[in-house]
N, C-alpha and C. Protein backbone atom coordinates (compact mmCIF):
# COMPACT_ATOMS: atom_id res chain seq x y z
N MET A 1 191.98 159.43 68.85
CA MET A 1 191.84 160.83 68.46
C MET A 1 190.69 160.95 67.47
N SER A 2 189.92 161.99 67.61
CA SER A 2 188.76 162.21 66.74
C SER A 2 189.20 162.53 65.32
N GLN A 3 188.31 162.32 64.38
CA GLN A 3 188.60 162.65 62.99
C GLN A 3 188.67 164.16 62.80
N GLN A 4 188.15 164.92 63.75
CA GLN A 4 188.18 166.37 63.64
C GLN A 4 189.49 166.97 64.12
N ILE A 5 190.32 166.18 64.78
CA ILE A 5 191.62 166.65 65.27
C ILE A 5 192.70 166.02 64.40
N ILE A 6 193.57 166.87 63.89
CA ILE A 6 194.63 166.43 62.98
C ILE A 6 195.89 166.13 63.78
N ASP A 7 196.56 165.04 63.45
CA ASP A 7 197.85 164.72 64.03
C ASP A 7 198.92 165.31 63.12
N ILE A 8 199.77 166.18 63.66
CA ILE A 8 200.81 166.80 62.84
C ILE A 8 202.18 166.50 63.42
N GLY A 9 203.19 166.65 62.58
CA GLY A 9 204.56 166.41 63.00
C GLY A 9 205.53 167.34 62.31
N ASP A 10 206.81 167.09 62.55
CA ASP A 10 207.85 167.92 61.97
C ASP A 10 207.72 168.06 60.46
N ASP A 11 207.37 166.97 59.78
CA ASP A 11 207.29 166.99 58.32
C ASP A 11 206.02 167.62 57.77
N SER A 12 204.92 167.56 58.53
CA SER A 12 203.64 168.04 58.00
C SER A 12 203.22 169.40 58.54
N PHE A 13 203.91 169.90 59.55
CA PHE A 13 203.49 171.11 60.25
C PHE A 13 203.33 172.31 59.30
N ASP A 14 204.38 172.64 58.57
CA ASP A 14 204.32 173.84 57.72
C ASP A 14 203.23 173.73 56.66
N GLY A 15 203.09 172.57 56.06
CA GLY A 15 202.08 172.40 55.03
C GLY A 15 200.67 172.55 55.56
N ILE A 16 200.44 172.12 56.79
CA ILE A 16 199.10 172.21 57.37
C ILE A 16 198.85 173.58 57.99
N VAL A 17 199.76 174.03 58.84
CA VAL A 17 199.53 175.29 59.57
C VAL A 17 199.67 176.50 58.66
N ALA A 18 200.74 176.57 57.88
CA ALA A 18 200.95 177.73 57.01
C ALA A 18 199.93 177.78 55.88
N ALA A 19 199.47 176.62 55.43
CA ALA A 19 198.53 176.57 54.32
C ALA A 19 197.08 176.76 54.75
N SER A 20 196.81 176.71 56.05
CA SER A 20 195.43 176.77 56.52
C SER A 20 194.82 178.16 56.36
N GLU A 21 193.63 178.19 55.79
CA GLU A 21 192.90 179.45 55.69
C GLU A 21 192.23 179.79 57.02
N LYS A 22 192.09 178.79 57.88
CA LYS A 22 191.50 178.99 59.20
C LYS A 22 192.62 179.11 60.23
N PRO A 23 192.33 179.75 61.36
CA PRO A 23 193.29 179.71 62.46
C PRO A 23 193.50 178.26 62.90
N VAL A 24 194.67 177.98 63.50
CA VAL A 24 195.01 176.63 63.92
C VAL A 24 195.41 176.65 65.39
N LEU A 25 194.81 175.76 66.17
CA LEU A 25 195.21 175.54 67.56
C LEU A 25 196.04 174.27 67.57
N VAL A 26 197.31 174.37 67.99
CA VAL A 26 198.18 173.20 68.07
C VAL A 26 198.40 172.86 69.53
N ASP A 27 198.06 171.62 69.89
CA ASP A 27 198.30 171.10 71.22
C ASP A 27 199.61 170.32 71.20
N PHE A 28 200.66 170.92 71.80
CA PHE A 28 201.92 170.20 71.99
C PHE A 28 201.74 169.35 73.24
N TRP A 29 201.89 168.04 73.12
CA TRP A 29 201.57 167.11 74.20
C TRP A 29 202.56 165.95 74.22
N ALA A 30 202.45 165.13 75.25
CA ALA A 30 203.26 163.91 75.36
C ALA A 30 202.40 162.81 75.98
N PRO A 31 202.62 161.56 75.58
CA PRO A 31 201.81 160.45 76.09
C PRO A 31 201.97 160.23 77.60
N TRP A 32 203.08 160.60 78.19
CA TRP A 32 203.34 160.41 79.62
C TRP A 32 202.80 161.56 80.47
N CYS A 33 202.24 162.58 79.85
CA CYS A 33 201.80 163.80 80.54
C CYS A 33 200.34 163.67 81.00
N GLY A 34 200.15 163.60 82.31
CA GLY A 34 198.79 163.51 82.88
C GLY A 34 197.90 164.68 82.50
N PRO A 35 198.37 165.94 82.67
CA PRO A 35 197.54 167.07 82.27
C PRO A 35 197.18 167.06 80.78
N CYS A 36 198.09 166.54 79.94
CA CYS A 36 197.80 166.45 78.51
C CYS A 36 196.61 165.52 78.27
N LYS A 37 196.61 164.40 78.99
CA LYS A 37 195.51 163.44 78.89
C LYS A 37 194.22 164.05 79.42
N ALA A 38 194.34 164.88 80.46
CA ALA A 38 193.16 165.49 81.09
C ALA A 38 192.47 166.49 80.16
N ILE A 39 193.23 167.21 79.32
CA ILE A 39 192.59 168.20 78.45
C ILE A 39 192.15 167.61 77.12
N ALA A 40 192.53 166.37 76.82
CA ALA A 40 192.17 165.75 75.54
C ALA A 40 190.66 165.74 75.29
N PRO A 41 189.82 165.37 76.27
CA PRO A 41 188.37 165.40 76.01
C PRO A 41 187.86 166.82 75.73
N MET A 42 188.45 167.81 76.38
CA MET A 42 188.05 169.19 76.13
C MET A 42 188.37 169.57 74.69
N LEU A 43 189.54 169.18 74.21
CA LEU A 43 189.90 169.50 72.83
C LEU A 43 188.98 168.81 71.84
N GLU A 44 188.59 167.58 72.16
CA GLU A 44 187.61 166.86 71.32
C GLU A 44 186.30 167.65 71.24
N GLU A 45 185.84 168.13 72.40
CA GLU A 45 184.60 168.91 72.44
C GLU A 45 184.74 170.20 71.65
N LEU A 46 185.87 170.88 71.81
CA LEU A 46 186.10 172.13 71.08
C LEU A 46 186.20 171.89 69.57
N ALA A 47 186.76 170.75 69.17
CA ALA A 47 186.83 170.42 67.75
C ALA A 47 185.42 170.26 67.18
N GLY A 48 184.54 169.66 67.95
CA GLY A 48 183.16 169.52 67.51
C GLY A 48 182.43 170.85 67.45
N LYS A 49 182.73 171.71 68.39
CA LYS A 49 182.05 172.99 68.49
C LYS A 49 182.58 174.04 67.49
N TYR A 50 183.90 174.07 67.29
CA TYR A 50 184.52 175.11 66.47
C TYR A 50 185.17 174.57 65.20
N GLY A 51 184.97 173.31 64.89
CA GLY A 51 185.65 172.68 63.76
C GLY A 51 185.45 173.35 62.42
N ASP A 52 184.35 174.08 62.25
CA ASP A 52 184.14 174.77 60.99
C ASP A 52 184.84 176.13 60.95
N GLN A 53 185.40 176.57 62.11
CA GLN A 53 186.03 177.88 62.19
C GLN A 53 187.52 177.84 62.48
N ILE A 54 187.98 176.76 63.11
CA ILE A 54 189.36 176.65 63.52
C ILE A 54 189.82 175.20 63.37
N VAL A 55 191.07 175.02 62.98
CA VAL A 55 191.65 173.68 62.88
C VAL A 55 192.30 173.36 64.22
N ILE A 56 192.04 172.18 64.74
CA ILE A 56 192.68 171.74 65.97
C ILE A 56 193.61 170.58 65.63
N ALA A 57 194.87 170.73 66.04
CA ALA A 57 195.90 169.74 65.72
C ALA A 57 196.66 169.37 66.98
N LYS A 58 197.24 168.18 66.98
CA LYS A 58 198.05 167.70 68.10
C LYS A 58 199.43 167.33 67.58
N CYS A 59 200.46 167.69 68.36
CA CYS A 59 201.83 167.35 68.03
C CYS A 59 202.47 166.66 69.22
N ASN A 60 202.81 165.38 69.05
CA ASN A 60 203.46 164.60 70.10
C ASN A 60 204.93 165.02 70.15
N ILE A 61 205.34 165.65 71.27
CA ILE A 61 206.70 166.18 71.36
C ILE A 61 207.76 165.08 71.47
N ASP A 62 207.38 163.88 71.87
CA ASP A 62 208.33 162.77 71.93
C ASP A 62 208.69 162.28 70.53
N ASP A 63 207.74 162.33 69.62
CA ASP A 63 207.95 161.85 68.25
C ASP A 63 208.45 162.95 67.32
N ASN A 64 208.34 164.19 67.73
CA ASN A 64 208.69 165.34 66.89
C ASN A 64 209.53 166.30 67.70
N GLN A 65 210.82 166.29 67.49
CA GLN A 65 211.74 167.09 68.30
C GLN A 65 211.94 168.50 67.76
N ASP A 66 211.80 168.69 66.45
CA ASP A 66 212.09 170.00 65.85
C ASP A 66 211.06 171.06 66.22
N LEU A 67 209.79 170.71 66.17
CA LEU A 67 208.75 171.71 66.42
C LEU A 67 208.79 172.29 67.83
N PRO A 68 208.89 171.48 68.88
CA PRO A 68 208.97 172.07 70.22
C PRO A 68 210.16 173.02 70.36
N SER A 69 211.28 172.65 69.77
CA SER A 69 212.46 173.52 69.82
C SER A 69 212.22 174.80 69.02
N ARG A 70 211.65 174.67 67.86
CA ARG A 70 211.38 175.82 66.98
C ARG A 70 210.47 176.85 67.63
N PHE A 71 209.49 176.37 68.40
CA PHE A 71 208.52 177.28 69.00
C PHE A 71 208.73 177.49 70.49
N GLY A 72 209.84 177.02 71.02
CA GLY A 72 210.17 177.29 72.42
C GLY A 72 209.27 176.59 73.42
N VAL A 73 208.77 175.42 73.07
CA VAL A 73 207.91 174.67 73.98
C VAL A 73 208.79 174.09 75.08
N ARG A 74 208.54 174.52 76.33
CA ARG A 74 209.34 174.07 77.46
C ARG A 74 208.53 173.21 78.43
N SER A 75 207.22 173.24 78.28
CA SER A 75 206.34 172.51 79.19
C SER A 75 205.10 172.09 78.42
N VAL A 76 204.54 170.95 78.79
CA VAL A 76 203.31 170.48 78.17
C VAL A 76 202.26 170.27 79.25
N PRO A 77 201.00 170.43 78.90
CA PRO A 77 200.51 170.79 77.59
C PRO A 77 200.79 172.26 77.26
N CYS A 78 200.99 172.51 75.99
CA CYS A 78 201.20 173.87 75.48
C CYS A 78 200.30 174.04 74.27
N LEU A 79 199.33 174.91 74.39
CA LEU A 79 198.41 175.19 73.28
C LEU A 79 198.89 176.46 72.59
N MET A 80 199.19 176.36 71.30
CA MET A 80 199.61 177.53 70.53
C MET A 80 198.57 177.80 69.46
N PHE A 81 198.25 179.06 69.33
CA PHE A 81 197.26 179.50 68.37
C PHE A 81 197.97 180.20 67.21
N PHE A 82 197.72 179.72 66.00
CA PHE A 82 198.36 180.25 64.80
C PHE A 82 197.31 180.90 63.91
N LYS A 83 197.69 182.01 63.31
CA LYS A 83 196.84 182.67 62.33
C LYS A 83 197.75 183.09 61.18
N GLU A 84 197.39 182.69 59.98
CA GLU A 84 198.22 182.95 58.80
C GLU A 84 199.64 182.45 59.02
N GLY A 85 199.77 181.31 59.68
CA GLY A 85 201.05 180.66 59.89
C GLY A 85 201.91 181.23 61.00
N GLU A 86 201.44 182.26 61.69
CA GLU A 86 202.21 182.89 62.76
C GLU A 86 201.54 182.66 64.11
N VAL A 87 202.35 182.49 65.16
CA VAL A 87 201.82 182.33 66.52
C VAL A 87 201.20 183.66 66.95
N VAL A 88 199.95 183.59 67.42
CA VAL A 88 199.29 184.81 67.91
C VAL A 88 198.98 184.75 69.40
N ASP A 89 199.00 183.56 69.98
CA ASP A 89 198.78 183.43 71.42
C ASP A 89 199.13 182.01 71.84
N SER A 90 199.29 181.82 73.15
CA SER A 90 199.56 180.48 73.66
C SER A 90 199.06 180.35 75.09
N ILE A 91 198.82 179.12 75.48
CA ILE A 91 198.41 178.78 76.85
C ILE A 91 199.28 177.60 77.27
N VAL A 92 199.96 177.74 78.40
CA VAL A 92 200.81 176.66 78.89
C VAL A 92 200.21 176.11 80.17
N GLY A 93 200.12 174.79 80.26
CA GLY A 93 199.57 174.15 81.44
C GLY A 93 198.10 173.82 81.26
N ILE A 94 197.56 173.23 82.29
CA ILE A 94 196.16 172.82 82.24
C ILE A 94 195.28 174.01 82.64
N VAL A 95 194.30 174.29 81.82
CA VAL A 95 193.36 175.38 82.07
C VAL A 95 191.95 174.87 81.78
N GLY A 96 190.98 175.63 82.20
CA GLY A 96 189.59 175.27 81.95
C GLY A 96 189.17 175.57 80.53
N GLN A 97 188.08 174.97 80.14
CA GLN A 97 187.56 175.15 78.79
C GLN A 97 187.22 176.61 78.51
N ASP A 98 186.73 177.33 79.52
CA ASP A 98 186.39 178.74 79.32
C ASP A 98 187.59 179.55 78.86
N ALA A 99 188.76 179.30 79.44
CA ALA A 99 189.97 180.04 79.06
C ALA A 99 190.35 179.75 77.61
N VAL A 100 190.24 178.50 77.21
CA VAL A 100 190.59 178.15 75.83
C VAL A 100 189.57 178.75 74.87
N GLU A 101 188.29 178.66 75.22
CA GLU A 101 187.25 179.24 74.35
C GLU A 101 187.39 180.75 74.26
N ASN A 102 187.78 181.39 75.34
CA ASN A 102 187.99 182.84 75.32
C ASN A 102 189.10 183.19 74.33
N THR A 103 190.18 182.42 74.35
CA THR A 103 191.29 182.68 73.43
C THR A 103 190.87 182.38 71.99
N ILE A 104 190.14 181.30 71.78
CA ILE A 104 189.63 181.00 70.43
C ILE A 104 188.78 182.17 69.94
N GLY A 105 187.91 182.70 70.80
CA GLY A 105 187.07 183.83 70.42
C GLY A 105 187.90 185.04 70.01
N LYS A 106 188.96 185.31 70.73
CA LYS A 106 189.83 186.45 70.40
C LYS A 106 190.52 186.22 69.06
N VAL A 107 191.00 185.00 68.85
CA VAL A 107 191.67 184.69 67.59
C VAL A 107 190.70 184.83 66.42
N LEU A 108 189.49 184.30 66.58
CA LEU A 108 188.50 184.37 65.51
C LEU A 108 188.03 185.78 65.23
N SER A 109 187.96 186.62 66.27
CA SER A 109 187.48 187.99 66.09
C SER A 109 188.53 188.92 65.51
N GLY A 110 189.79 188.45 65.52
CA GLY A 110 190.86 189.31 65.03
C GLY A 110 191.35 190.30 66.07
N GLU A 111 190.90 190.12 67.31
CA GLU A 111 191.33 190.99 68.39
C GLU A 111 192.85 190.95 68.49
N LYS A 112 193.44 192.10 68.75
CA LYS A 112 194.90 192.18 68.87
C LYS A 112 195.34 191.36 70.08
N LEU A 113 196.17 190.38 69.82
CA LEU A 113 196.66 189.50 70.86
C LEU A 113 198.14 189.80 71.10
N ILE A 114 198.59 189.48 72.26
CA ILE A 114 200.01 189.63 72.57
C ILE A 114 200.73 188.45 71.96
N THR A 115 201.68 188.71 71.07
CA THR A 115 202.42 187.65 70.45
C THR A 115 203.51 187.16 71.39
N PRO A 116 203.52 185.87 71.71
CA PRO A 116 204.55 185.35 72.60
C PRO A 116 205.92 185.39 71.93
N LEU A 117 206.95 185.47 72.75
CA LEU A 117 208.32 185.44 72.26
C LEU A 117 208.66 184.02 71.84
N ILE A 118 209.04 183.88 70.61
CA ILE A 118 209.44 182.57 70.09
C ILE A 118 210.92 182.65 69.72
N VAL A 119 211.72 181.82 70.33
CA VAL A 119 213.15 181.78 70.04
C VAL A 119 213.38 180.77 68.94
N ARG A 120 214.02 181.19 67.88
CA ARG A 120 214.27 180.28 66.75
C ARG A 120 215.74 180.10 66.53
């Protein structure tokens, strides 16, 4: 994993995501997930491109059981976008870089996003 991508877990999530002054993209992933492995290089590229504007983090759902349950993660990969500690958008499944960049652009611009339903 690149130095620009943060590894987060159940214990560090709130301190990193809630405390971040920048929006945060969290990739909920698993080591056995082929699509998760397929989007990893894209996330590396996006971290290099947007690293000064957005924090990119990864959460291994096998090692961290509380976070997937807390945010209703039912399938991986699941990209969740947080702003001021709150979920503002999400993408589930494998998508192209354009779709992720489009969502990053909306998050950064402050465009009104549809907030996904999160069961807690």
